[in-house]
Protein backbone atom coordinates (compact mmCIF):
# COMPACT_ATOMS: atom_id res chain seq x y z
CA UNK A 1 26.76 -4.53 -9.10
CA UNK A 2 24.21 -2.51 -11.07
CA UNK A 3 21.54 -5.16 -10.46
CA UNK A 4 22.27 -5.09 -6.73
CA UNK A 5 21.84 -1.31 -6.66
CA UNK A 6 18.50 -1.63 -8.44
CA UNK A 7 17.28 -4.37 -6.08
CA UNK A 8 18.25 -2.38 -2.97
CA UNK A 9 16.55 0.74 -4.28
CA UNK A 10 13.42 -1.20 -5.22
CA UNK A 11 13.24 -2.89 -1.80
CA UNK A 12 13.69 0.47 -0.07
CA UNK A 13 10.82 1.93 -2.10
CA UNK A 14 8.52 -1.04 -1.45
CA UNK A 15 9.29 -0.91 2.27
CA UNK A 16 8.35 2.78 2.34
CA UNK A 17 5.14 2.04 0.43
CA UNK A 18 4.22 -0.75 2.82
CA UNK A 19 4.92 1.18 6.01
CA UNK A 20 3.30 4.43 4.90
CA UNK A 21 0.26 2.61 3.48
CA UNK A 22 -0.29 0.74 6.73
CA UNK A 23 -0.03 3.97 8.69
CA UNK A 24 -2.57 5.71 6.45
CA UNK A 25 -5.03 2.81 6.62
CA UNK A 26 -4.71 2.70 10.42
CA UNK A 27 -5.28 6.47 10.56
CA UNK A 28 -8.43 6.28 8.43
CA UNK A 29 -9.82 3.38 10.45
CA UNK A 30 -9.15 5.29 13.67
CA UNK A 31 -10.45 8.70 12.51
CA UNK A 32 -13.59 7.28 10.92
CA UNK A 33 -14.16 4.84 13.79
CA UNK A 34 -14.29 1.88 11.41
CA UNK A 35 -12.90 -0.76 13.79
CA UNK A 36 -15.39 -3.59 14.10
CA UNK A 37 -17.35 -2.34 11.07
CA UNK A 38 -16.86 -5.32 8.76
CA UNK A 39 -14.63 -4.93 5.73
CA UNK A 40 -12.68 -2.05 4.22
CA UNK A 41 -12.32 -2.32 0.44
CA UNK A 42 -8.93 -1.01 -0.65
CA UNK A 43 -7.10 -0.46 -3.92
CA UNK A 44 -3.47 0.38 -4.61
CA UNK A 45 -2.41 1.72 -8.00
CA UNK A 46 1.26 1.76 -8.98
CA UNK A 47 2.45 3.97 -11.82
CA UNK A 48 5.87 5.09 -12.99
CA UNK A 49 6.40 8.46 -14.66
CA UNK A 50 7.45 8.19 -18.28
CA UNK A 51 6.27 4.58 -18.68
CA UNK A 52 3.05 2.72 -19.37
CA UNK A 53 3.21 0.99 -15.97
CA UNK A 54 -0.15 0.77 -14.28
CA UNK A 55 -0.45 -2.05 -11.76
CA UNK A 56 -3.56 -2.26 -9.62
CA UNK A 57 -4.09 -4.41 -6.56
CA UNK A 58 -7.50 -4.66 -4.90
CA UNK A 59 -8.32 -6.26 -1.62
CA UNK A 60 -10.40 -6.34 1.51
CA UNK A 61 -9.21 -5.63 5.03
CA UNK A 62 -11.17 -7.31 7.81
CA UNK A 63 -11.94 -4.65 10.42
CA UNK A 64 -13.13 -7.19 12.95
CA UNK A 65 -16.55 -7.60 14.39
């Protein structure tokens, strides 16, 4: 049961990260009029207070042409 609680909590957190990140990227693209401007380089850094966790993901988002 403990493992199930952890998994549900983790999935809830990751869903929130995904949704809020998408919203923020869409906002920046809209406000800075970046649509059709090539590629947006992005980076996400995950840390956890009280641990040595530091996970970084880099990528490119195609803004269309």
